[in-house]
Amino acid sequence: MKQGQYIKESVFWFIVDNDLTPLFVQEFIEKLVKILKVKLVFSKVNKLPPGFDVFTGIQESCIYFGYWGEYKYCRLFISSCKNYDEEKVLEAIKKFFPVEGNVMKKTTKDLSIKKEVEVLQCLNKYLKT
């Protein structure tokens, strides 16, 4: 499918054993960009002691990583118009981070933009009645 005609969005959340740093997470995101086979456009760290956010723009959409330091809780959100393998993302998380317990995952969108627009149009018509 051509770029811009498809959207996939997934959220991964997990708890880590050790404290994380923005630099460590940025290194993970650089590896993730290669795994996803997407192009990195920019990366911005927002320090929120004791945690932080890393927002990464990719040509195909975005990657967000939030870290709540007081709980060692991590949340990774990937939105891309390029279909990606969620299992490879899970493997990368487990290899890179000292994860406590399981990595949870939920895919919220995995469809063509055309189908998404049709659903919205149908919903809008319904709500107008």
C-alpha atoms as a PDB file:
ATOM      1  CA  MET A   1       0.000   0.000   0.000  1.00  0.00           C
ATOM      2  CA  LYS A   2       1.264   3.498  -0.824  1.00  0.00           C
ATOM      3  CA  GLN A   3       2.380   5.833   1.946  1.00  0.00           C
ATOM      4  CA  GLY A   4      -0.463   7.939   3.305  1.00  0.00           C
ATOM      5  CA  GLN A   5      -3.151   5.379   2.464  1.00  0.00           C
ATOM      6  CA  TYR A   6      -2.891   3.271   5.613  1.00  0.00           C
ATOM      7  CA  ILE A   7      -2.639   3.818   9.366  1.00  0.00           C
ATOM      8  CA  LYS A   8      -1.529   1.571  12.183  1.00  0.00           C
ATOM      9  CA  GLU A   9      -1.398   2.690  15.813  1.00  0.00           C
ATOM     10  CA  SER A  10      -0.178   0.594  18.713  1.00  0.00           C
ATOM     11  CA  VAL A  11       0.455   1.226  22.386  1.00  0.00           C
ATOM     12  CA  PHE A  12       2.908  -0.792  24.488  1.00  0.00           C
ATOM     13  CA  TRP A  13       3.161  -0.333  28.253  1.00  0.00           C
ATOM     14  CA  PHE A  14       5.449  -1.910  30.814  1.00  0.00           C
ATOM     15  CA  ILE A  15       7.351  -1.438  34.062  1.00  0.00           C
ATOM     16  CA  VAL A  16      11.156  -1.437  34.160  1.00  0.00           C
ATOM     17  CA  ASP A  17      13.482  -2.608  36.932  1.00  0.00           C
ATOM     18  CA  ASN A  18      15.912   0.334  36.693  1.00  0.00           C
ATOM     19  CA  ASP A  19      15.657   4.101  36.334  1.00  0.00           C
ATOM     20  CA  LEU A  20      15.799   5.303  32.729  1.00  0.00           C
ATOM     21  CA  THR A  21      17.457   8.341  31.184  1.00  0.00           C
ATOM     22  CA  PRO A  22      16.307  10.299  28.134  1.00  0.00           C
ATOM     23  CA  LEU A  23      19.549   9.381  26.335  1.00  0.00           C
ATOM     24  CA  PHE A  24      18.929   5.658  26.909  1.00  0.00           C
ATOM     25  CA  VAL A  25      15.385   5.954  25.549  1.00  0.00           C
ATOM     26  CA  GLN A  26      16.574   7.963  22.527  1.00  0.00           C
ATOM     27  CA  GLU A  27      19.057   5.160  21.747  1.00  0.00           C
ATOM     28  CA  PHE A  28      16.156   2.689  21.889  1.00  0.00           C
ATOM     29  CA  ILE A  29      14.064   4.861  19.566  1.00  0.00           C
ATOM     30  CA  GLU A  30      16.938   5.043  17.061  1.00  0.00           C
ATOM     31  CA  LYS A  31      17.026   1.213  17.022  1.00  0.00           C
ATOM     32  CA  LEU A  32      13.234   1.118  16.773  1.00  0.00           C
ATOM     33  CA  VAL A  33      13.297   3.435  13.744  1.00  0.00           C
ATOM     34  CA  LYS A  34      15.557   0.903  11.986  1.00  0.00           C
ATOM     35  CA  ILE A  35      13.303  -2.010  12.988  1.00  0.00           C
ATOM     36  CA  LEU A  36      10.217  -0.173  11.711  1.00  0.00           C
ATOM     37  CA  LYS A  37      12.085   0.831   8.518  1.00  0.00           C
ATOM     38  CA  VAL A  38      10.920   4.424   8.811  1.00  0.00           C
ATOM     39  CA  LYS A  39      12.753   7.747   8.503  1.00  0.00           C
ATOM     40  CA  LEU A  40      13.514   9.821  11.624  1.00  0.00           C
ATOM     41  CA  VAL A  41      12.701  13.516  11.203  1.00  0.00           C
ATOM     42  CA  PHE A  42      13.255  14.899  14.733  1.00  0.00           C
ATOM     43  CA  SER A  43      13.339  13.900  18.389  1.00  0.00           C
ATOM     44  CA  LYS A  44      12.419  16.118  21.349  1.00  0.00           C
ATOM     45  CA  VAL A  45      12.831  15.386  25.050  1.00  0.00           C
ATOM     46  CA  ASN A  46      10.491  16.968  27.562  1.00  0.00           C
ATOM     47  CA  LYS A  47      11.969  16.594  31.068  1.00  0.00           C
ATOM     48  CA  LEU A  48       9.284  16.146  33.724  1.00  0.00           C
ATOM     49  CA  PRO A  49      11.190  15.083  36.873  1.00  0.00           C
ATOM     50  CA  PRO A  50      11.203  12.375  38.007  1.00  0.00           C
ATOM     51  CA  GLY A  51      10.202  11.298  34.476  1.00  0.00           C
ATOM     52  CA  PHE A  52      10.282  12.516  30.897  1.00  0.00           C
ATOM     53  CA  ASP A  53       8.678  12.231  27.463  1.00  0.00           C
ATOM     54  CA  VAL A  54      10.427  11.651  24.162  1.00  0.00           C
ATOM     55  CA  PHE A  55       8.441  12.651  21.093  1.00  0.00           C
ATOM     56  CA  THR A  56       9.903  11.544  17.785  1.00  0.00           C
ATOM     57  CA  GLY A  57       8.639  12.670  14.434  1.00  0.00           C
ATOM     58  CA  ILE A  58       9.081  10.137  11.687  1.00  0.00           C
ATOM     59  CA  GLN A  59       8.319  10.758   8.046  1.00  0.00           C
ATOM     60  CA  GLU A  60       5.583   8.157   8.354  1.00  0.00           C
ATOM     61  CA  SER A  61       3.985   9.758  11.498  1.00  0.00           C
ATOM     62  CA  CYS A  62       5.284   9.623  15.105  1.00  0.00           C
ATOM     63  CA  ILE A  63       6.654   7.687  18.063  1.00  0.00           C
ATOM     64  CA  TYR A  64       5.995   8.751  21.654  1.00  0.00           C
ATOM     65  CA  PHE A  65       7.727   7.317  24.719  1.00  0.00           C
ATOM     66  CA  GLY A  66       6.591   8.408  28.175  1.00  0.00           C
ATOM     67  CA  TYR A  67       8.443   7.476  31.367  1.00  0.00           C
ATOM     68  CA  TRP A  68       6.955   8.032  34.822  1.00  0.00           C
ATOM     69  CA  GLY A  69      10.059   7.741  37.005  1.00  0.00           C
ATOM     70  CA  GLU A  70       8.245   7.504  40.335  1.00  0.00           C
ATOM     71  CA  TYR A  71       6.558   4.277  39.138  1.00  0.00           C
ATOM     72  CA  LYS A  72       9.145   3.134  36.563  1.00  0.00           C
ATOM     73  CA  TYR A  73       6.187   2.960  34.184  1.00  0.00           C
ATOM     74  CA  CYS A  74       6.759   3.246  30.425  1.00  0.00           C
ATOM     75  CA  ARG A  75       4.307   3.853  27.612  1.00  0.00           C
ATOM     76  CA  LEU A  76       5.283   3.612  23.955  1.00  0.00           C
ATOM     77  CA  PHE A  77       2.912   4.799  21.227  1.00  0.00           C
ATOM     78  CA  ILE A  78       3.620   4.225  17.552  1.00  0.00           C
ATOM     79  CA  SER A  79       1.535   5.724  14.769  1.00  0.00           C
ATOM     80  CA  SER A  80       2.595   4.994  11.222  1.00  0.00           C
ATOM     81  CA  CYS A  81       1.162   4.943   7.729  1.00  0.00           C
ATOM     82  CA  LYS A  82       3.594   2.099   7.145  1.00  0.00           C
ATOM     83  CA  ASN A  83       2.527  -1.341   8.338  1.00  0.00           C
ATOM     84  CA  TYR A  84       4.975  -2.646  10.949  1.00  0.00           C
ATOM     85  CA  ASP A  85       5.484  -5.901  12.799  1.00  0.00           C
ATOM     86  CA  GLU A  86       4.296  -5.480  16.400  1.00  0.00           C
ATOM     87  CA  GLU A  87       6.095  -8.676  17.441  1.00  0.00           C
ATOM     88  CA  LYS A  88       9.417  -7.147  16.387  1.00  0.00           C
ATOM     89  CA  VAL A  89       8.620  -4.099  18.524  1.00  0.00           C
ATOM     90  CA  LEU A  90       7.860  -6.381  21.499  1.00  0.00           C
ATOM     91  CA  GLU A  91      11.150  -8.234  20.973  1.00  0.00           C
ATOM     92  CA  ALA A  92      13.061  -4.952  20.836  1.00  0.00           C
ATOM     93  CA  ILE A  93      11.464  -3.724  24.069  1.00  0.00           C
ATOM     94  CA  LYS A  94      12.310  -6.965  25.872  1.00  0.00           C
ATOM     95  CA  LYS A  95      15.902  -6.937  24.580  1.00  0.00           C
ATOM     96  CA  PHE A  96      16.589  -3.277  25.348  1.00  0.00           C
ATOM     97  CA  PHE A  97      14.825  -2.696  28.660  1.00  0.00           C
ATOM     98  CA  PRO A  98      15.057  -4.506  31.998  1.00  0.00           C
ATOM     99  CA  VAL A  99      11.308  -5.218  31.966  1.00  0.00           C
ATOM    100  CA  GLU A 100       9.546  -6.296  35.148  1.00  0.00           C
ATOM    101  CA  GLY A 101       6.748  -8.697  34.208  1.00  0.00           C
ATOM    102  CA  ASN A 102       4.947  -8.550  30.886  1.00  0.00           C
ATOM    103  CA  VAL A 103       4.858  -5.980  28.141  1.00  0.00           C
ATOM    104  CA  MET A 104       1.240  -5.139  27.409  1.00  0.00           C
ATOM    105  CA  LYS A 105       0.149  -4.226  23.879  1.00  0.00           C
ATOM    106  CA  LYS A 106      -2.953  -2.884  22.202  1.00  0.00           C
ATOM    107  CA  THR A 107      -3.429  -1.948  18.562  1.00  0.00           C
ATOM    108  CA  THR A 108      -6.072   0.719  18.221  1.00  0.00           C
ATOM    109  CA  LYS A 109      -5.986   1.207  14.452  1.00  0.00           C
ATOM    110  CA  ASP A 110      -4.890  -1.074  11.652  1.00  0.00           C
ATOM    111  CA  LEU A 111      -6.776  -0.068   8.513  1.00  0.00           C
ATOM    112  CA  SER A 112      -6.738   1.960   5.350  1.00  0.00           C
ATOM    113  CA  ILE A 113      -7.248   5.711   5.577  1.00  0.00           C
ATOM    114  CA  LYS A 114     -10.114   5.298   3.081  1.00  0.00           C
ATOM    115  CA  LYS A 115     -11.881   2.945   5.516  1.00  0.00           C
ATOM    116  CA  GLU A 116     -11.190   5.318   8.432  1.00  0.00           C
ATOM    117  CA  VAL A 117     -12.775   8.203   6.491  1.00  0.00           C
ATOM    118  CA  GLU A 118     -15.804   6.065   5.635  1.00  0.00           C
ATOM    119  CA  VAL A 119     -16.284   5.200   9.328  1.00  0.00           C
ATOM    120  CA  LEU A 120     -16.030   8.884  10.327  1.00  0.00           C
ATOM    121  CA  GLN A 121     -18.459   9.964   7.633  1.00  0.00           C
ATOM    122  CA  CYS A 122     -20.945   7.314   8.733  1.00  0.00           C
ATOM    123  CA  LEU A 123     -20.555   8.340  12.372  1.00  0.00           C
ATOM    124  CA  ASN A 124     -20.998  12.030  11.508  1.00  0.00           C
ATOM    125  CA  LYS A 125     -24.220  11.262   9.602  1.00  0.00           C
ATOM    126  CA  TYR A 126     -25.515   9.242  12.556  1.00  0.00           C
ATOM    127  CA  LEU A 127     -24.700  11.985  15.066  1.00  0.00           C
ATOM    128  CA  LYS A 128     -26.473  14.625  12.962  1.00  0.00           C
ATOM    129  CA  THR A 129     -29.777  12.748  13.184  1.00  0.00           C
END
